[in-house]
């Protein structure tokens, strides 16, 4: 799992501005966590608990973010087969000219 803190911030604020390289790396991990939460919500109590524990361990045991992931974010994407995030290139950063991007959760 890369960029745990930034993934938590993405789930908390539902969008984050970072470099393109970090955004591409975070995108896969964030989408995998949303898929885990979706499948956990569709299962019984035991499956939901196991999925929540798995997601919490990957998010650094942050209970608030895990709760938001399972109660708010994952239910939004129940009918969506994938592609939960959107990556928009915003141009170079002033100072070091690093390519920046906005990574956000898709709204339905």
C-alpha atoms as a PDB file:
ATOM      1  CA  UNK A   1       0.000   0.000   0.000  1.00  0.00           C
ATOM      2  CA  UNK A   2       1.448   3.297  -1.067  1.00  0.00           C
ATOM      3  CA  UNK A   3       0.573   6.727   0.223  1.00  0.00           C
ATOM      4  CA  UNK A   4      -1.694   5.682   3.120  1.00  0.00           C
ATOM      5  CA  UNK A   5      -1.984   9.223   4.434  1.00  0.00           C
ATOM      6  CA  UNK A   6      -2.923  10.629   1.052  1.00  0.00           C
ATOM      7  CA  UNK A   7      -5.490   7.880   0.460  1.00  0.00           C
ATOM      8  CA  UNK A   8      -7.057   8.699   3.836  1.00  0.00           C
ATOM      9  CA  UNK A   9      -7.170  12.371   2.836  1.00  0.00           C
ATOM     10  CA  UNK A  10      -8.754  11.419  -0.500  1.00  0.00           C
ATOM     11  CA  UNK A  11     -11.512   9.509   1.303  1.00  0.00           C
ATOM     12  CA  UNK A  12     -11.943  12.290   3.875  1.00  0.00           C
ATOM     13  CA  UNK A  13     -12.119  15.245   1.458  1.00  0.00           C
ATOM     14  CA  UNK A  14     -13.127  13.247  -1.650  1.00  0.00           C
ATOM     15  CA  UNK A  15     -10.484  15.036  -3.733  1.00  0.00           C
ATOM     16  CA  UNK A  16      -6.789  15.750  -3.441  1.00  0.00           C
ATOM     17  CA  UNK A  17      -4.217  17.689  -5.437  1.00  0.00           C
ATOM     18  CA  UNK A  18      -0.833  16.015  -5.774  1.00  0.00           C
ATOM     19  CA  UNK A  19       1.810  15.218  -8.369  1.00  0.00           C
ATOM     20  CA  UNK A  20       0.749  13.056 -11.302  1.00  0.00           C
ATOM     21  CA  UNK A  21       3.076  10.237 -10.308  1.00  0.00           C
ATOM     22  CA  UNK A  22       1.651  10.029  -6.785  1.00  0.00           C
ATOM     23  CA  UNK A  23      -1.896  10.319  -8.116  1.00  0.00           C
ATOM     24  CA  UNK A  24      -1.421   7.379 -10.494  1.00  0.00           C
ATOM     25  CA  UNK A  25       0.069   5.298  -7.656  1.00  0.00           C
ATOM     26  CA  UNK A  26      -2.736   6.211  -5.234  1.00  0.00           C
ATOM     27  CA  UNK A  27      -5.517   5.636  -7.732  1.00  0.00           C
ATOM     28  CA  UNK A  28      -5.098   1.849  -7.897  1.00  0.00           C
ATOM     29  CA  UNK A  29      -4.942   1.409  -4.128  1.00  0.00           C
ATOM     30  CA  UNK A  30      -7.947   3.671  -3.533  1.00  0.00           C
ATOM     31  CA  UNK A  31     -10.049   1.805  -6.096  1.00  0.00           C
ATOM     32  CA  UNK A  32      -9.093  -1.546  -4.564  1.00  0.00           C
ATOM     33  CA  UNK A  33     -10.209  -0.318  -1.138  1.00  0.00           C
ATOM     34  CA  UNK A  34     -13.550   0.863  -2.520  1.00  0.00           C
ATOM     35  CA  UNK A  35     -14.035  -2.547  -4.165  1.00  0.00           C
ATOM     36  CA  UNK A  36     -13.286  -4.281  -0.848  1.00  0.00           C
ATOM     37  CA  UNK A  37     -15.881  -2.078   0.862  1.00  0.00           C
ATOM     38  CA  UNK A  38     -18.470  -2.716  -1.868  1.00  0.00           C
ATOM     39  CA  UNK A  39     -18.062  -6.476  -1.643  1.00  0.00           C
ATOM     40  CA  UNK A  40     -18.124  -6.328   2.155  1.00  0.00           C
ATOM     41  CA  UNK A  41     -21.384  -4.386   2.139  1.00  0.00           C
ATOM     42  CA  UNK A  42     -22.979  -6.925  -0.200  1.00  0.00           C
ATOM     43  CA  UNK A  43     -22.093  -9.880   2.032  1.00  0.00           C
ATOM     44  CA  UNK A  44     -23.351 -10.986   5.423  1.00  0.00           C
ATOM     45  CA  UNK A  45     -22.160  -9.671   8.823  1.00  0.00           C
ATOM     46  CA  UNK A  46     -19.036 -11.817   8.903  1.00  0.00           C
ATOM     47  CA  UNK A  47     -17.955 -10.814   5.401  1.00  0.00           C
ATOM     48  CA  UNK A  48     -18.556  -7.142   6.193  1.00  0.00           C
ATOM     49  CA  UNK A  49     -16.505  -7.413   9.390  1.00  0.00           C
ATOM     50  CA  UNK A  50     -13.638  -9.143   7.567  1.00  0.00           C
ATOM     51  CA  UNK A  51     -13.697  -6.559   4.784  1.00  0.00           C
ATOM     52  CA  UNK A  52     -13.758  -3.713   7.331  1.00  0.00           C
ATOM     53  CA  UNK A  53     -10.780  -5.178   9.170  1.00  0.00           C
ATOM     54  CA  UNK A  54      -8.857  -5.592   5.929  1.00  0.00           C
ATOM     55  CA  UNK A  55      -9.610  -2.025   4.838  1.00  0.00           C
ATOM     56  CA  UNK A  56      -8.783  -0.635   8.293  1.00  0.00           C
ATOM     57  CA  UNK A  57      -5.429  -2.404   8.306  1.00  0.00           C
ATOM     58  CA  UNK A  58      -4.595  -0.897   4.928  1.00  0.00           C
ATOM     59  CA  UNK A  59      -5.738   2.567   6.062  1.00  0.00           C
ATOM     60  CA  UNK A  60      -3.619   2.571   9.200  1.00  0.00           C
ATOM     61  CA  UNK A  61      -6.474   1.544  11.546  1.00  0.00           C
ATOM     62  CA  UNK A  62      -8.301   4.866  11.127  1.00  0.00           C
ATOM     63  CA  UNK A  63     -11.840   4.068  12.289  1.00  0.00           C
ATOM     64  CA  UNK A  64     -13.450   7.283  11.064  1.00  0.00           C
ATOM     65  CA  UNK A  65     -12.182   6.894   7.504  1.00  0.00           C
ATOM     66  CA  UNK A  66     -13.048   3.181   7.462  1.00  0.00           C
ATOM     67  CA  UNK A  67     -16.581   3.977   8.633  1.00  0.00           C
ATOM     68  CA  UNK A  68     -16.942   6.681   5.971  1.00  0.00           C
ATOM     69  CA  UNK A  69     -15.613   4.288   3.318  1.00  0.00           C
ATOM     70  CA  UNK A  70     -18.187   1.602   4.185  1.00  0.00           C
ATOM     71  CA  UNK A  71     -21.168   3.820   5.053  1.00  0.00           C
ATOM     72  CA  UNK A  72     -20.864   6.750   2.618  1.00  0.00           C
ATOM     73  CA  UNK A  73     -18.441   6.078  -0.230  1.00  0.00           C
ATOM     74  CA  UNK A  74     -18.988   2.401  -1.138  1.00  0.00           C
ATOM     75  CA  UNK A  75     -22.830   2.580  -1.282  1.00  0.00           C
ATOM     76  CA  UNK A  76     -22.543   5.319  -3.930  1.00  0.00           C
ATOM     77  CA  UNK A  77     -20.818   2.907  -6.282  1.00  0.00           C
ATOM     78  CA  UNK A  78     -22.999  -0.212  -5.869  1.00  0.00           C
ATOM     79  CA  UNK A  79     -24.135  -0.133  -9.514  1.00  0.00           C
ATOM     80  CA  UNK A  80     -20.779   0.959 -10.908  1.00  0.00           C
ATOM     81  CA  UNK A  81     -18.413  -1.860 -11.986  1.00  0.00           C
ATOM     82  CA  UNK A  82     -15.223   0.197 -11.557  1.00  0.00           C
ATOM     83  CA  UNK A  83     -13.647   3.550 -12.273  1.00  0.00           C
ATOM     84  CA  UNK A  84     -14.421   5.200  -8.950  1.00  0.00           C
ATOM     85  CA  UNK A  85     -11.829   7.954  -9.308  1.00  0.00           C
ATOM     86  CA  UNK A  86     -11.156  10.695 -11.837  1.00  0.00           C
ATOM     87  CA  UNK A  87      -7.704  12.101 -12.539  1.00  0.00           C
ATOM     88  CA  UNK A  88      -7.493  15.594 -14.021  1.00  0.00           C
ATOM     89  CA  UNK A  89      -4.141  17.067 -15.006  1.00  0.00           C
ATOM     90  CA  UNK A  90      -3.785  20.627 -13.725  1.00  0.00           C
ATOM     91  CA  UNK A  91      -0.455  21.665 -15.204  1.00  0.00           C
ATOM     92  CA  UNK A  92       2.979  22.311 -13.741  1.00  0.00           C
ATOM     93  CA  UNK A  93       3.540  23.484 -10.176  1.00  0.00           C
ATOM     94  CA  UNK A  94       5.243  26.821  -9.696  1.00  0.00           C
ATOM     95  CA  UNK A  95       8.693  26.469  -8.225  1.00  0.00           C
ATOM     96  CA  UNK A  96       9.840  23.013  -9.300  1.00  0.00           C
ATOM     97  CA  UNK A  97       7.677  22.586 -12.431  1.00  0.00           C
ATOM     98  CA  UNK A  98       6.337  19.196 -11.292  1.00  0.00           C
ATOM     99  CA  UNK A  99       3.265  18.010 -13.201  1.00  0.00           C
ATOM    100  CA  UNK A 100       0.233  18.266 -10.886  1.00  0.00           C
ATOM    101  CA  UNK A 101      -3.087  16.440 -10.953  1.00  0.00           C
ATOM    102  CA  UNK A 102      -6.425  16.515  -9.155  1.00  0.00           C
ATOM    103  CA  UNK A 103      -7.574  13.071  -8.010  1.00  0.00           C
ATOM    104  CA  UNK A 104     -11.227  12.943  -6.992  1.00  0.00           C
ATOM    105  CA  UNK A 105     -13.968  10.438  -6.363  1.00  0.00           C
ATOM    106  CA  UNK A 106     -16.540  10.268  -9.143  1.00  0.00           C
ATOM    107  CA  UNK A 107     -19.955  11.494  -8.062  1.00  0.00           C
ATOM    108  CA  UNK A 108     -23.101   9.750  -9.202  1.00  0.00           C
END
